[in-house]
Amino acid sequence: MKKKTYLIPLVLVVLGLLVPIVYAASHDDQGPKHPSSASVQLSDEEDRAQDGIQNSQENNRKETDQESGSLEKKNEQSKSTGTTTSNKGSQNQTKKNVKSSTKQSGTSTQQTKLSQNKTPMTEAKEPQKGIKVGFAVVGKGKNPKKKYDVVIPEDSSWGNTALGALAASGENYVMSTRFSGFVESICGQQNDGTSGWMFVVNGVDPGIGADKCQVKNGDRIIWYYSESYNVPAPNWNDL
């Protein structure tokens, strides 16, 4: 009897230990397993960490994009600034060229004015050596009609003659190819039949050819177009 009474409490103790264990095991198998608070906290922290990493990556991307955009803007500004600077430089160079050309033109104008203001040095011409005679030409109908002094030079091919005075006058004349020393045309007026050119020295017809008629300093020679032998020669004082 004593052995049986000892075993009853022992059985009760064993049952008291086993019942909670079996009950807990059955509830764990049947019911949903809930995560512990520690695991929940860990998962929340991981999520926050991942969100922070994503946010930091996005912020880094935005900053990188902003920096690249600012760099592009700076490059564009630098390009535009360089273009503007080059344009300004070209404009300044153009202005300098215009100013220099203007200065050069002004200098050349001043030099021209100075050269114009300077009195040209005229070389003193030696007086022409020869004899000075009075000369007149009276054409058909007294046209042309000229009167002035000429100097027959010492080296005249016709010498100091009435023909030499005509040559020294500078009037246009033509000599005859058939008769030596005979004048056919003066001032474009040609001899025609009995009408033609004649001359007098000091109002007198010398009666010889013009290349043979010698003249001296101060003589007066008139070449005139005669319509007829009966018409008198012009008077020196009337010219």
C-alpha atoms as a PDB file:
ATOM      1  CA  MET A   1       0.000   0.000   0.000  1.00  0.00           C
ATOM      2  CA  LYS A   2       2.810   2.369   0.664  1.00  0.00           C
ATOM      3  CA  LYS A   3       4.323   1.790  -2.793  1.00  0.00           C
ATOM      4  CA  LYS A   4       1.036   2.624  -4.532  1.00  0.00           C
ATOM      5  CA  THR A   5       0.588   5.843  -2.639  1.00  0.00           C
ATOM      6  CA  TYR A   6       4.104   6.939  -3.652  1.00  0.00           C
ATOM      7  CA  LEU A   7       3.477   6.284  -7.320  1.00  0.00           C
ATOM      8  CA  ILE A   8       0.296   8.344  -7.529  1.00  0.00           C
ATOM      9  CA  PRO A   9       1.953  11.688  -6.849  1.00  0.00           C
ATOM     10  CA  LEU A  10       4.753  10.860  -9.210  1.00  0.00           C
ATOM     11  CA  VAL A  11       2.319  10.086 -12.004  1.00  0.00           C
ATOM     12  CA  LEU A  12       0.514  13.319 -11.330  1.00  0.00           C
ATOM     13  CA  VAL A  13       3.729  15.300 -11.544  1.00  0.00           C
ATOM     14  CA  VAL A  14       4.677  13.639 -14.823  1.00  0.00           C
ATOM     15  CA  LEU A  15       1.242  14.320 -16.233  1.00  0.00           C
ATOM     16  CA  GLY A  16       1.442  17.889 -15.054  1.00  0.00           C
ATOM     17  CA  LEU A  17       4.650  18.306 -16.994  1.00  0.00           C
ATOM     18  CA  LEU A  18       3.523  16.481 -20.107  1.00  0.00           C
ATOM     19  CA  VAL A  19       0.119  18.145 -20.503  1.00  0.00           C
ATOM     20  CA  PRO A  20       1.466  21.653 -21.094  1.00  0.00           C
ATOM     21  CA  ILE A  21       4.078  20.318 -23.422  1.00  0.00           C
ATOM     22  CA  VAL A  22       1.562  18.385 -25.485  1.00  0.00           C
ATOM     23  CA  TYR A  23      -0.824  21.299 -25.479  1.00  0.00           C
ATOM     24  CA  ALA A  24       1.836  23.699 -26.694  1.00  0.00           C
ATOM     25  CA  ALA A  25       2.949  21.286 -29.356  1.00  0.00           C
ATOM     26  CA  SER A  26      -0.566  20.778 -30.613  1.00  0.00           C
ATOM     27  CA  HIS A  27      -1.189  24.543 -30.790  1.00  0.00           C
ATOM     28  CA  ASP A  28       2.021  25.142 -32.649  1.00  0.00           C
ATOM     29  CA  ASP A  29       1.096  22.591 -35.262  1.00  0.00           C
ATOM     30  CA  GLN A  30      -2.501  23.715 -35.695  1.00  0.00           C
ATOM     31  CA  GLY A  31      -2.319  27.500 -35.461  1.00  0.00           C
ATOM     32  CA  PRO A  32      -0.403  29.962 -37.728  1.00  0.00           C
ATOM     33  CA  LYS A  33       3.029  30.763 -36.657  1.00  0.00           C
ATOM     34  CA  HIS A  34       3.379  34.433 -35.798  1.00  0.00           C
ATOM     35  CA  PRO A  35       6.747  36.069 -36.188  1.00  0.00           C
ATOM     36  CA  SER A  36       8.346  37.249 -33.091  1.00  0.00           C
ATOM     37  CA  SER A  37       8.644  40.912 -32.363  1.00  0.00           C
ATOM     38  CA  ALA A  38      12.385  40.749 -32.816  1.00  0.00           C
ATOM     39  CA  SER A  39      12.065  39.356 -36.338  1.00  0.00           C
ATOM     40  CA  VAL A  40       9.421  41.996 -37.141  1.00  0.00           C
ATOM     41  CA  GLN A  41      11.683  44.704 -35.947  1.00  0.00           C
ATOM     42  CA  LEU A  42      14.527  43.320 -37.974  1.00  0.00           C
ATOM     43  CA  SER A  43      12.406  43.176 -41.146  1.00  0.00           C
ATOM     44  CA  ASP A  44      11.226  46.780 -40.602  1.00  0.00           C
ATOM     45  CA  GLU A  45      14.756  47.974 -40.185  1.00  0.00           C
ATOM     46  CA  GLU A  46      15.833  46.136 -43.339  1.00  0.00           C
ATOM     47  CA  ASP A  47      12.972  47.717 -45.268  1.00  0.00           C
ATOM     48  CA  ARG A  48      13.925  51.160 -43.980  1.00  0.00           C
ATOM     49  CA  ALA A  49      17.534  50.536 -44.848  1.00  0.00           C
ATOM     50  CA  GLN A  50      16.590  49.476 -48.365  1.00  0.00           C
ATOM     51  CA  ASP A  51      14.333  52.549 -48.700  1.00  0.00           C
ATOM     52  CA  GLY A  52      17.185  54.752 -47.508  1.00  0.00           C
ATOM     53  CA  ILE A  53      19.565  53.142 -49.972  1.00  0.00           C
ATOM     54  CA  GLN A  54      17.076  53.673 -52.830  1.00  0.00           C
ATOM     55  CA  ASN A  55      16.467  57.278 -51.755  1.00  0.00           C
ATOM     56  CA  SER A  56      20.186  57.961 -51.557  1.00  0.00           C
ATOM     57  CA  GLN A  57      20.688  56.377 -54.998  1.00  0.00           C
ATOM     58  CA  GLU A  58      17.884  58.515 -56.448  1.00  0.00           C
ATOM     59  CA  ASN A  59      19.346  61.633 -54.778  1.00  0.00           C
ATOM     60  CA  ASN A  60      22.767  60.767 -56.185  1.00  0.00           C
ATOM     61  CA  ARG A  61      21.239  60.341 -59.644  1.00  0.00           C
ATOM     62  CA  LYS A  62      19.459  63.681 -59.371  1.00  0.00           C
ATOM     63  CA  GLU A  63      22.638  65.397 -58.222  1.00  0.00           C
ATOM     64  CA  THR A  64      24.569  63.735 -61.049  1.00  0.00           C
ATOM     65  CA  ASP A  65      21.935  64.834 -63.573  1.00  0.00           C
ATOM     66  CA  GLN A  66      21.978  68.363 -62.131  1.00  0.00           C
ATOM     67  CA  GLU A  67      25.767  68.478 -62.260  1.00  0.00           C
ATOM     68  CA  SER A  68      25.806  67.205 -65.845  1.00  0.00           C
ATOM     69  CA  GLY A  69      23.125  69.740 -66.792  1.00  0.00           C
ATOM     70  CA  SER A  70      25.042  72.536 -65.128  1.00  0.00           C
ATOM     71  CA  LEU A  71      28.207  71.410 -66.894  1.00  0.00           C
ATOM     72  CA  GLU A  72      26.406  71.418 -70.248  1.00  0.00           C
ATOM     73  CA  LYS A  73      25.027  74.878 -69.504  1.00  0.00           C
ATOM     74  CA  LYS A  74      28.494  76.067 -68.532  1.00  0.00           C
ATOM     75  CA  ASN A  75      29.924  74.601 -71.725  1.00  0.00           C
ATOM     76  CA  GLU A  76      27.221  76.262 -73.799  1.00  0.00           C
ATOM     77  CA  GLN A  77      27.803  79.535 -71.969  1.00  0.00           C
ATOM     78  CA  SER A  78      31.540  79.232 -72.454  1.00  0.00           C
ATOM     79  CA  LYS A  79      30.985  78.481 -76.156  1.00  0.00           C
ATOM     80  CA  SER A  80      28.647  81.439 -76.509  1.00  0.00           C
ATOM     81  CA  THR A  81      31.073  83.572 -74.513  1.00  0.00           C
ATOM     82  CA  GLY A  82      33.924  82.420 -76.749  1.00  0.00           C
ATOM     83  CA  THR A  83      31.876  83.171 -79.843  1.00  0.00           C
ATOM     84  CA  THR A  84      30.927  86.550 -78.467  1.00  0.00           C
ATOM     85  CA  THR A  85      34.534  87.220 -77.545  1.00  0.00           C
ATOM     86  CA  SER A  86      35.708  86.196 -81.008  1.00  0.00           C
ATOM     87  CA  ASN A  87      33.015  88.362 -82.563  1.00  0.00           C
ATOM     88  CA  LYS A  88      34.044  91.263 -80.357  1.00  0.00           C
ATOM     89  CA  GLY A  89      37.665  90.628 -81.258  1.00  0.00           C
ATOM     90  CA  SER A  90      36.861  90.589 -84.976  1.00  0.00           C
ATOM     91  CA  GLN A  91      34.771  93.716 -84.589  1.00  0.00           C
ATOM     92  CA  ASN A  92      37.554  95.422 -82.660  1.00  0.00           C
ATOM     93  CA  GLN A  93      40.055  94.323 -85.295  1.00  0.00           C
ATOM     94  CA  THR A  94      37.743  95.652 -88.032  1.00  0.00           C
ATOM     95  CA  LYS A  95      37.424  98.943 -86.150  1.00  0.00           C
ATOM     96  CA  LYS A  96      41.206  99.091 -85.796  1.00  0.00           C
ATOM     97  CA  ASN A  97      41.621  98.420 -89.527  1.00  0.00           C
ATOM     98  CA  VAL A  98      39.039 101.107 -90.352  1.00  0.00           C
ATOM     99  CA  LYS A  99      40.763 103.544 -88.005  1.00  0.00           C
ATOM    100  CA  SER A 100      44.170 102.743 -89.449  1.00  0.00           C
ATOM    101  CA  SER A 101      42.866 103.076 -93.031  1.00  0.00           C
ATOM    102  CA  THR A 102      41.167 106.330 -92.045  1.00  0.00           C
ATOM    103  CA  LYS A 103      44.405 107.571 -90.497  1.00  0.00           C
ATOM    104  CA  GLN A 104      46.314 106.524 -93.591  1.00  0.00           C
ATOM    105  CA  SER A 105      43.787 108.240 -95.861  1.00  0.00           C
ATOM    106  CA  GLY A 106      43.935 111.315 -93.633  1.00  0.00           C
ATOM    107  CA  THR A 107      47.727 111.244 -93.755  1.00  0.00           C
ATOM    108  CA  SER A 108      47.710 110.844 -97.528  1.00  0.00           C
ATOM    109  CA  THR A 109      45.175 113.691 -97.794  1.00  0.00           C
ATOM    110  CA  GLN A 110      47.375 115.898 -95.613  1.00  0.00           C
ATOM    111  CA  GLN A 111      50.399 114.988 -97.681  1.00  0.00           C
ATOM    112  CA  THR A 112      48.461 115.783-100.840  1.00  0.00           C
ATOM    113  CA  LYS A 113      47.380 119.126 -99.399  1.00  0.00           C
ATOM    114  CA  LEU A 114      50.923 119.874 -98.334  1.00  0.00           C
ATOM    115  CA  SER A 115      52.211 118.946-101.767  1.00  0.00           C
ATOM    116  CA  GLN A 116      49.515 121.140-103.327  1.00  0.00           C
ATOM    117  CA  ASN A 117      50.277 124.021-100.988  1.00  0.00           C
ATOM    118  CA  LYS A 118      53.948 123.853-101.802  1.00  0.00           C
ATOM    119  CA  THR A 119      54.845 126.222-104.584  1.00  0.00           C
ATOM    120  CA  PRO A 120      56.312 124.136-107.382  1.00  0.00           C
ATOM    121  CA  MET A 121      59.889 124.974-108.120  1.00  0.00           C
ATOM    122  CA  THR A 122      60.056 126.214-111.660  1.00  0.00           C
ATOM    123  CA  GLU A 123      63.355 126.030-113.308  1.00  0.00           C
ATOM    124  CA  ALA A 124      64.407 129.281-114.804  1.00  0.00           C
ATOM    125  CA  LYS A 125      64.359 128.810-118.540  1.00  0.00           C
ATOM    126  CA  GLU A 126      67.076 130.406-120.498  1.00  0.00           C
ATOM    127  CA  PRO A 127      65.780 132.885-123.032  1.00  0.00           C
ATOM    128  CA  GLN A 128      65.524 131.347-126.481  1.00  0.00           C
ATOM    129  CA  LYS A 129      68.335 132.490-128.668  1.00  0.00           C
ATOM    130  CA  GLY A 130      67.301 133.867-132.020  1.00  0.00           C
ATOM    131  CA  ILE A 131      65.705 136.895-133.613  1.00  0.00           C
ATOM    132  CA  LYS A 132      62.327 138.302-132.612  1.00  0.00           C
ATOM    133  CA  VAL A 133      59.934 139.335-135.367  1.00  0.00           C
ATOM    134  CA  GLY A 134      56.299 140.327-135.634  1.00  0.00           C
ATOM    135  CA  PHE A 135      54.114 137.662-137.222  1.00  0.00           C
ATOM    136  CA  ALA A 136      50.543 137.730-138.583  1.00  0.00           C
ATOM    137  CA  VAL A 137      48.352 135.329-140.540  1.00  0.00           C
ATOM    138  CA  VAL A 138      45.160 136.396-142.344  1.00  0.00           C
ATOM    139  CA  GLY A 139      43.114 133.628-143.977  1.00  0.00           C
ATOM    140  CA  LYS A 140      40.433 133.599-146.629  1.00  0.00           C
ATOM    141  CA  GLY A 141      37.783 136.228-145.773  1.00  0.00           C
ATOM    142  CA  LYS A 142      40.146 137.299-142.919  1.00  0.00           C
ATOM    143  CA  ASN A 143      39.480 134.008-141.143  1.00  0.00           C
ATOM    144  CA  PRO A 144      41.624 133.067-139.355  1.00  0.00           C
ATOM    145  CA  LYS A 145      43.185 136.341-138.348  1.00  0.00           C
ATOM    146  CA  LYS A 146      46.103 136.208-135.905  1.00  0.00           C
ATOM    147  CA  LYS A 147      48.867 138.579-134.844  1.00  0.00           C
ATOM    148  CA  TYR A 148      51.693 138.019-132.361  1.00  0.00           C
ATOM    149  CA  ASP A 149      55.490 137.977-131.931  1.00  0.00           C
ATOM    150  CA  VAL A 150      57.644 134.918-132.619  1.00  0.00           C
ATOM    151  CA  VAL A 151      61.284 134.096-132.065  1.00  0.00           C
ATOM    152  CA  ILE A 152      63.074 132.359-134.920  1.00  0.00           C
ATOM    153  CA  PRO A 153      65.585 130.087-133.171  1.00  0.00           C
ATOM    154  CA  GLU A 154      69.195 129.943-134.229  1.00  0.00           C
ATOM    155  CA  ASP A 155      68.846 126.255-135.116  1.00  0.00           C
ATOM    156  CA  SER A 156      65.775 126.757-137.325  1.00  0.00           C
ATOM    157  CA  SER A 157      65.881 124.448-140.338  1.00  0.00           C
ATOM    158  CA  TRP A 158      64.661 127.370-142.492  1.00  0.00           C
ATOM    159  CA  GLY A 159      67.023 129.930-141.002  1.00  0.00           C
ATOM    160  CA  ASN A 160      66.140 133.604-140.442  1.00  0.00           C
ATOM    161  CA  THR A 161      63.651 133.733-143.290  1.00  0.00           C
ATOM    162  CA  ALA A 162      59.952 134.430-143.828  1.00  0.00           C
ATOM    163  CA  LEU A 163      59.432 130.648-143.958  1.00  0.00           C
ATOM    164  CA  GLY A 164      61.427 130.290-140.716  1.00  0.00           C
ATOM    165  CA  ALA A 165      59.007 132.745-139.066  1.00  0.00           C
ATOM    166  CA  LEU A 166      56.032 130.634-140.253  1.00  0.00           C
ATOM    167  CA  ALA A 167      57.655 127.483-138.879  1.00  0.00           C
ATOM    168  CA  ALA A 168      58.404 129.200-135.541  1.00  0.00           C
ATOM    169  CA  SER A 169      54.795 130.437-135.222  1.00  0.00           C
ATOM    170  CA  GLY A 170      53.453 126.897-134.622  1.00  0.00           C
ATOM    171  CA  GLU A 171      50.680 127.291-137.177  1.00  0.00           C
ATOM    172  CA  ASN A 172      49.785 124.241-139.269  1.00  0.00           C
ATOM    173  CA  TYR A 173      51.230 124.498-142.769  1.00  0.00           C
ATOM    174  CA  VAL A 174      51.993 122.200-145.732  1.00  0.00           C
ATOM    175  CA  MET A 175      54.877 122.586-148.169  1.00  0.00           C
ATOM    176  CA  SER A 176      54.579 121.851-151.890  1.00  0.00           C
ATOM    177  CA  THR A 177      56.065 118.612-153.137  1.00  0.00           C
ATOM    178  CA  ARG A 178      56.597 120.056-156.645  1.00  0.00           C
ATOM    179  CA  PHE A 179      58.123 123.477-155.945  1.00  0.00           C
ATOM    180  CA  SER A 180      60.892 123.926-153.403  1.00  0.00           C
ATOM    181  CA  GLY A 181      60.145 126.428-150.666  1.00  0.00           C
ATOM    182  CA  PHE A 182      56.573 126.944-151.844  1.00  0.00           C
ATOM    183  CA  VAL A 183      53.724 126.876-149.249  1.00  0.00           C
ATOM    184  CA  GLU A 184      50.500 125.164-150.394  1.00  0.00           C
ATOM    185  CA  SER A 185      48.350 125.296-147.226  1.00  0.00           C
ATOM    186  CA  ILE A 186      48.195 127.236-143.928  1.00  0.00           C
ATOM    187  CA  CYS A 187      45.650 126.601-141.149  1.00  0.00           C
ATOM    188  CA  GLY A 188      43.948 123.985-143.351  1.00  0.00           C
ATOM    189  CA  GLN A 189      43.233 126.439-146.232  1.00  0.00           C
ATOM    190  CA  GLN A 190      44.580 125.088-149.542  1.00  0.00           C
ATOM    191  CA  ASN A 191      45.792 127.070-152.583  1.00  0.00           C
ATOM    192  CA  ASP A 192      43.205 127.066-155.375  1.00  0.00           C
ATOM    193  CA  GLY A 193      44.137 128.159-158.925  1.00  0.00           C
ATOM    194  CA  THR A 194      45.298 131.755-158.907  1.00  0.00           C
ATOM    195  CA  SER A 195      44.226 132.140-155.266  1.00  0.00           C
ATOM    196  CA  GLY A 196      46.602 131.135-152.554  1.00  0.00           C
ATOM    197  CA  TRP A 197      49.046 132.129-149.864  1.00  0.00           C
ATOM    198  CA  MET A 198      51.432 135.062-150.202  1.00  0.00           C
ATOM    199  CA  PHE A 199      53.592 137.059-147.778  1.00  0.00           C
ATOM    200  CA  VAL A 200      54.986 140.551-147.281  1.00  0.00           C
ATOM    201  CA  VAL A 201      57.829 141.809-145.063  1.00  0.00           C
ATOM    202  CA  ASN A 202      57.316 145.255-143.575  1.00  0.00           C
ATOM    203  CA  GLY A 203      54.431 145.738-146.055  1.00  0.00           C
ATOM    204  CA  VAL A 204      56.586 144.962-149.143  1.00  0.00           C
ATOM    205  CA  ASP A 205      56.439 141.938-151.450  1.00  0.00           C
ATOM    206  CA  PRO A 206      60.051 140.772-151.721  1.00  0.00           C
ATOM    207  CA  GLY A 207      59.429 138.964-155.042  1.00  0.00           C
ATOM    208  CA  ILE A 208      61.393 135.847-153.987  1.00  0.00           C
ATOM    209  CA  GLY A 209      60.577 132.576-152.312  1.00  0.00           C
ATOM    210  CA  ALA A 210      59.831 132.557-148.583  1.00  0.00           C
ATOM    211  CA  ASP A 211      62.775 130.216-147.924  1.00  0.00           C
ATOM    212  CA  LYS A 212      65.108 132.739-149.567  1.00  0.00           C
ATOM    213  CA  CYS A 213      63.730 135.945-148.042  1.00  0.00           C
ATOM    214  CA  GLN A 214      65.993 136.904-145.140  1.00  0.00           C
ATOM    215  CA  VAL A 215      64.512 138.780-142.198  1.00  0.00           C
ATOM    216  CA  LYS A 216      66.086 140.523-139.235  1.00  0.00           C
ATOM    217  CA  ASN A 217      65.173 141.337-135.655  1.00  0.00           C
ATOM    218  CA  GLY A 218      62.065 143.566-135.419  1.00  0.00           C
ATOM    219  CA  ASP A 219      60.761 142.904-138.944  1.00  0.00           C
ATOM    220  CA  ARG A 220      57.002 142.388-139.461  1.00  0.00           C
ATOM    221  CA  ILE A 221      55.902 139.431-141.584  1.00  0.00           C
ATOM    222  CA  ILE A 222      52.328 138.900-142.783  1.00  0.00           C
ATOM    223  CA  TRP A 223      51.142 135.685-144.429  1.00  0.00           C
ATOM    224  CA  TYR A 224      47.773 136.228-146.147  1.00  0.00           C
ATOM    225  CA  TYR A 225      45.411 134.355-148.471  1.00  0.00           C
ATOM    226  CA  SER A 226      45.152 136.328-151.727  1.00  0.00           C
ATOM    227  CA  GLU A 227      42.050 136.036-153.897  1.00  0.00           C
ATOM    228  CA  SER A 228      43.689 137.968-156.738  1.00  0.00           C
ATOM    229  CA  TYR A 229      46.976 139.649-157.524  1.00  0.00           C
ATOM    230  CA  ASN A 230      45.160 142.973-157.746  1.00  0.00           C
ATOM    231  CA  VAL A 231      44.069 142.840-154.088  1.00  0.00           C
ATOM    232  CA  PRO A 232      46.593 144.666-151.860  1.00  0.00           C
ATOM    233  CA  ALA A 233      48.191 142.965-148.859  1.00  0.00           C
ATOM    234  CA  PRO A 234      46.772 143.653-145.373  1.00  0.00           C
ATOM    235  CA  ASN A 235      48.218 146.546-143.370  1.00  0.00           C
ATOM    236  CA  TRP A 236      50.009 145.653-140.145  1.00  0.00           C
ATOM    237  CA  ASN A 237      48.453 148.518-138.245  1.00  0.00           C
ATOM    238  CA  ASP A 238      44.963 147.493-139.378  1.00  0.00           C
ATOM    239  CA  LEU A 239      45.231 143.982-137.927  1.00  0.00           C
END
